[in-house]
Amino acid sequence: MLLYRLGSESRYAIRQRDEWRWLESDPWHDAVESWRLGSEVAEPERRPLAPVRPSKIIGIGRNYVEHAAELGNAMPTEPLIFLKAPSSIIGPGEAIVLPPESERVELEGEIGLVIGRRLRRGSRAESEAAILGVTAANDVTARDLQRSDKTFARGKSFDTFCPLGPAILVRPDLGELRVETRLDQKRVQEGHVDEMAWDPVTLVEYVSRHMTLEPGDLLLTGTPAGVTPLHAGQTVEVEVSGLDVLRNQVVSWSA
């Protein structure tokens, strides 16, 4: 089951196979089992927006051994948490803008976990239950700024640096997820959850010890090896198991 945020009214809809229906329930307060569906979504209204508007975006650094190695970083002994500004979010089809402050902006295709219920210091079972679903994400990074700063915030948080979507895959098999990133249709990244140092549920459990997770919050699970510089005119595609492709073009900043 795919959960979309659609159109100018920012309403949620459910797609099951080729059937699209408006969601009459609140996905952030009502249990999935009780969701009520309404009328069919007309074809012109099936324009996906970024599927979440989180209170915070939590990133995990160096969750794939090969990615840590390609940047010359040692693997951490526990998950490496950073925060990314929610204002960096864009949806499918929107442009990634290269800021003039950076000379090297890189793609980072990732599996994004969408939190569906409030969680604070959750057990493993509670943490798994708190995951509403997953979405495709691109943790775009100004690598030169990330390396020059003591924190990741500036290099991660420029406007347009967090493409998301097109939908949320609700209640997936978390052990069977994979992510693939393509640049101008050429595959540059590929990763499976089995290759993560810390699996998705462990990450949610760990993060919830340090900050309260709210419904709609987004947790980025780390990127596989193959981070690649972006240039104006290119197209980035991120594909996560069970989801349509997240596609964004790259443009230069213009005053």
Protein backbone atom coordinates (compact mmCIF):
# COMPACT_ATOMS: atom_id res chain seq x y z
CA MET A 1 0.00 0.00 0.00
CA LEU A 2 1.36 3.39 -1.04
CA LEU A 3 0.52 6.62 0.79
CA TYR A 4 0.77 9.83 -1.28
CA ARG A 5 0.43 13.51 -0.46
CA LEU A 6 -1.20 15.04 -3.50
CA GLY A 7 -2.04 18.27 -5.25
CA SER A 8 -2.63 21.83 -4.19
CA GLU A 9 -4.84 20.81 -1.25
CA SER A 10 -2.06 18.65 0.24
CA ARG A 11 -4.42 15.73 0.87
CA TYR A 12 -3.37 12.16 1.44
CA ALA A 13 -4.42 9.33 -0.84
CA ILE A 14 -3.87 5.58 -1.02
CA ARG A 15 -2.81 3.71 -4.11
CA GLN A 16 -3.34 -0.04 -4.23
CA ARG A 17 -2.32 -1.49 -7.58
CA ASP A 18 -3.93 0.91 -10.09
CA GLU A 19 -6.67 2.18 -7.77
CA TRP A 20 -6.23 5.64 -6.21
CA ARG A 21 -8.56 6.75 -3.40
CA TRP A 22 -8.55 9.70 -1.06
CA LEU A 23 -7.73 8.86 2.55
CA GLU A 24 -10.46 10.06 4.89
CA SER A 25 -8.48 9.21 8.03
CA ASP A 26 -5.54 11.05 9.57
CA PRO A 27 -2.43 8.95 8.86
CA TRP A 28 -0.58 10.56 11.79
CA HIS A 29 -3.22 9.83 14.42
CA ASP A 30 -5.32 6.89 13.20
CA ALA A 31 -4.09 3.29 13.19
CA VAL A 32 -3.39 1.93 9.71
CA GLU A 33 -5.90 -0.87 10.30
CA SER A 34 -8.69 1.71 10.78
CA TRP A 35 -7.95 3.92 7.76
CA ARG A 36 -11.08 4.82 5.81
CA LEU A 37 -10.96 5.39 2.07
CA GLY A 38 -13.12 7.86 0.19
CA SER A 39 -13.77 8.69 -3.44
CA GLU A 40 -11.48 7.95 -6.36
CA VAL A 41 -8.65 10.41 -7.06
CA ALA A 42 -9.10 11.95 -10.51
CA GLU A 43 -6.18 11.60 -12.91
CA PRO A 44 -5.25 15.33 -12.95
CA GLU A 45 -4.95 15.31 -9.14
CA ARG A 46 -2.38 12.50 -9.01
CA ARG A 47 0.57 14.83 -8.66
CA PRO A 48 2.78 13.69 -5.76
CA LEU A 49 4.26 16.17 -3.33
CA ALA A 50 6.98 15.37 -0.81
CA PRO A 51 5.14 12.77 1.30
CA VAL A 52 6.00 14.21 4.73
CA ARG A 53 6.47 17.58 6.43
CA PRO A 54 8.52 16.49 9.45
CA SER A 55 9.29 18.42 12.61
CA LYS A 56 12.85 17.17 12.12
CA ILE A 57 15.04 15.17 9.75
CA ILE A 58 17.51 12.88 11.49
CA GLY A 59 20.42 11.62 9.43
CA ILE A 60 22.71 8.70 10.15
CA GLY A 61 26.28 8.97 8.92
CA ARG A 62 28.56 6.10 7.89
CA ASN A 63 26.01 3.30 8.17
CA TYR A 64 27.58 1.45 5.24
CA VAL A 65 31.20 0.31 5.67
CA GLU A 66 32.15 0.90 2.02
CA HIS A 67 30.78 4.45 2.08
CA ALA A 68 32.82 5.31 5.17
CA ALA A 69 35.88 3.88 3.45
CA GLU A 70 35.39 5.82 0.20
CA LEU A 71 35.47 9.10 2.16
CA GLY A 72 38.46 7.99 4.25
CA ASN A 73 36.45 7.82 7.48
CA ALA A 74 36.66 5.24 10.24
CA MET A 75 33.45 3.41 11.13
CA PRO A 76 31.87 4.80 14.30
CA THR A 77 31.26 2.54 17.27
CA GLU A 78 27.63 3.67 17.52
CA PRO A 79 25.24 5.38 15.09
CA LEU A 80 26.44 8.84 14.05
CA ILE A 81 23.47 11.23 14.30
CA PHE A 82 23.14 14.57 12.55
CA LEU A 83 20.20 16.87 11.84
CA LYS A 84 19.13 18.25 8.49
CA ALA A 85 16.85 21.28 8.14
CA PRO A 86 13.23 20.45 7.19
CA SER A 87 13.35 23.46 4.84
CA SER A 88 15.66 21.39 2.61
CA ILE A 89 12.76 19.13 1.53
CA ILE A 90 11.49 19.07 -2.04
CA GLY A 91 9.20 16.63 -3.81
CA PRO A 92 9.38 14.54 -6.96
CA GLY A 93 10.14 16.53 -10.10
CA GLU A 94 11.41 19.58 -8.25
CA ALA A 95 14.92 20.85 -8.93
CA ILE A 96 18.02 20.37 -6.79
CA VAL A 97 19.70 23.79 -6.77
CA LEU A 98 23.48 23.95 -6.55
CA PRO A 99 24.36 26.74 -4.10
CA PRO A 100 27.13 29.22 -4.96
CA GLU A 101 28.77 28.61 -1.55
CA SER A 102 29.83 25.07 -2.50
CA GLU A 103 32.16 23.77 -5.21
CA ARG A 104 31.30 20.10 -4.68
CA VAL A 105 27.72 18.92 -4.15
CA GLU A 106 27.17 15.16 -4.08
CA LEU A 107 24.17 12.83 -4.23
CA GLU A 108 23.39 10.35 -1.45
CA GLY A 109 20.52 7.99 -2.22
CA GLU A 110 18.95 6.57 0.93
CA ILE A 111 16.09 4.64 2.47
CA GLY A 112 14.06 7.09 4.56
CA LEU A 113 12.07 5.82 7.55
CA VAL A 114 8.82 7.66 8.25
CA ILE A 115 7.75 7.70 11.90
CA GLY A 116 4.04 7.10 12.45
CA ARG A 117 3.64 7.47 16.22
CA ARG A 118 5.30 9.37 19.06
CA LEU A 119 8.27 7.50 20.48
CA ARG A 120 10.56 8.27 23.40
CA ARG A 121 13.10 5.74 24.67
CA GLY A 122 11.27 2.97 22.84
CA SER A 123 11.93 -0.73 23.18
CA ARG A 124 12.81 -2.66 20.05
CA ALA A 125 9.19 -3.78 19.62
CA GLU A 126 7.90 -0.24 20.18
CA SER A 127 10.47 1.15 17.75
CA GLU A 128 9.45 -1.26 15.01
CA ALA A 129 5.77 -0.45 15.58
CA ALA A 130 6.55 3.28 15.34
CA ILE A 131 7.76 2.97 11.73
CA LEU A 132 4.83 3.81 9.47
CA GLY A 133 6.79 3.09 6.31
CA VAL A 134 9.65 4.03 4.05
CA THR A 135 10.27 6.53 1.28
CA ALA A 136 13.06 7.25 -1.17
CA ALA A 137 15.37 10.09 -0.14
CA ASN A 138 18.39 11.93 -1.49
CA ASP A 139 20.57 13.34 1.27
CA VAL A 140 22.24 15.89 -1.02
CA THR A 141 25.46 17.13 0.57
CA ALA A 142 27.85 20.02 0.00
CA ARG A 143 30.87 17.82 0.63
CA ASP A 144 33.45 20.60 0.77
CA LEU A 145 31.46 22.44 3.45
CA GLN A 146 30.80 19.25 5.38
CA ARG A 147 34.53 18.62 5.54
CA SER A 148 35.40 22.17 6.54
CA ASP A 149 32.83 22.47 9.34
CA LYS A 150 32.83 20.77 12.74
CA THR A 151 29.17 19.79 12.28
CA PHE A 152 27.28 18.55 9.22
CA ALA A 153 24.41 21.04 9.47
CA ARG A 154 25.46 23.61 6.86
CA GLY A 155 26.59 21.11 4.24
CA LYS A 156 23.38 19.10 4.59
CA SER A 157 20.72 21.78 4.91
CA PHE A 158 20.67 24.04 1.84
CA ASP A 159 17.25 24.50 0.30
CA THR A 160 16.38 21.60 -2.06
CA PHE A 161 18.94 19.27 -0.43
CA CYS A 162 16.38 16.65 0.65
CA PRO A 163 14.29 15.31 -2.25
CA LEU A 164 11.68 12.82 -1.01
CA GLY A 165 9.01 10.56 -2.43
CA PRO A 166 7.08 9.92 -4.48
CA ALA A 167 5.16 8.08 -1.74
CA ILE A 168 5.41 6.18 1.55
CA LEU A 169 5.41 2.41 1.29
CA VAL A 170 3.33 1.51 4.32
CA ARG A 171 4.45 -1.33 6.60
CA PRO A 172 7.11 -2.84 4.32
CA ASP A 173 9.29 -5.86 5.04
CA LEU A 174 12.18 -3.94 6.60
CA GLY A 175 14.58 -6.81 6.03
CA GLU A 176 14.14 -6.85 2.25
CA LEU A 177 14.74 -3.21 1.34
CA ARG A 178 17.28 -2.03 -1.19
CA VAL A 179 18.14 1.36 -2.64
CA GLU A 180 19.56 2.23 -6.05
CA THR A 181 20.71 5.65 -7.25
CA ARG A 182 21.17 6.57 -10.90
CA LEU A 183 22.74 9.66 -12.42
CA ASP A 184 21.63 10.33 -15.99
CA GLN A 185 20.31 6.75 -16.04
CA LYS A 186 23.68 5.25 -15.03
CA ARG A 187 23.67 3.34 -11.73
CA VAL A 188 26.13 4.87 -9.27
CA GLN A 189 24.90 3.42 -5.94
CA GLU A 190 23.28 0.22 -4.81
CA GLY A 191 22.72 -0.97 -1.25
CA HIS A 192 20.67 -3.45 0.78
CA VAL A 193 19.66 -3.25 4.43
CA ASP A 194 21.80 -6.33 5.09
CA GLU A 195 24.84 -4.14 4.37
CA MET A 196 23.96 -1.58 7.04
CA ALA A 197 26.00 -1.49 10.24
CA TRP A 198 22.77 -0.78 12.13
CA ASP A 199 19.42 -1.99 10.81
CA PRO A 200 16.38 0.32 10.56
CA VAL A 201 14.72 -0.76 13.82
CA THR A 202 17.97 -0.44 15.76
CA LEU A 203 18.39 3.08 14.40
CA VAL A 204 14.90 4.14 15.51
CA GLU A 205 15.43 2.61 18.94
CA TYR A 206 18.79 4.34 19.30
CA VAL A 207 17.61 7.77 18.13
CA SER A 208 14.56 7.64 20.41
CA ARG A 209 16.89 7.48 23.44
CA HIS A 210 18.31 10.86 22.51
CA MET A 211 15.28 12.75 21.18
CA THR A 212 11.53 12.24 21.04
CA LEU A 213 10.34 11.16 17.61
CA GLU A 214 7.06 12.67 16.47
CA PRO A 215 4.58 11.42 13.84
CA GLY A 216 5.83 12.44 10.42
CA ASP A 217 9.49 12.70 11.43
CA LEU A 218 12.01 11.37 8.93
CA LEU A 219 15.04 9.22 9.70
CA LEU A 220 17.60 8.82 6.91
CA THR A 221 19.38 5.49 7.27
CA GLY A 222 22.68 6.29 5.55
CA THR A 223 23.96 5.99 2.00
CA PRO A 224 25.84 3.19 0.24
CA ALA A 225 29.19 3.69 -1.49
CA GLY A 226 29.21 5.58 -4.77
CA VAL A 227 28.47 9.18 -3.75
CA THR A 228 28.94 11.23 -6.89
CA PRO A 229 29.28 14.97 -7.68
CA LEU A 230 26.29 16.72 -9.22
CA HIS A 231 26.37 19.19 -12.10
CA ALA A 232 23.70 21.40 -13.62
CA GLY A 233 21.69 19.64 -16.30
CA GLN A 234 21.92 16.18 -14.77
CA THR A 235 19.02 14.05 -13.54
CA VAL A 236 19.17 12.02 -10.31
CA GLU A 237 16.95 9.00 -9.70
CA VAL A 238 16.60 7.20 -6.36
CA GLU A 239 14.62 3.97 -6.22
CA VAL A 240 13.68 2.07 -3.07
CA SER A 241 12.03 -1.37 -3.13
CA GLY A 242 8.27 -1.17 -3.69
CA LEU A 243 8.25 2.53 -4.59
CA ASP A 244 8.13 4.48 -7.82
CA VAL A 245 11.31 6.31 -8.80
CA LEU A 246 12.17 9.63 -7.14
CA ARG A 247 13.46 11.81 -9.97
CA ASN A 248 14.95 15.32 -9.72
CA GLN A 249 16.89 17.51 -12.11
CA VAL A 250 19.93 19.53 -11.06
CA VAL A 251 20.16 23.26 -11.79
CA SER A 252 22.55 26.08 -11.00
CA TRP A 253 21.61 28.73 -8.46
CA SER A 254 20.27 31.93 -9.97
CA ALA A 255 19.76 35.14 -7.98
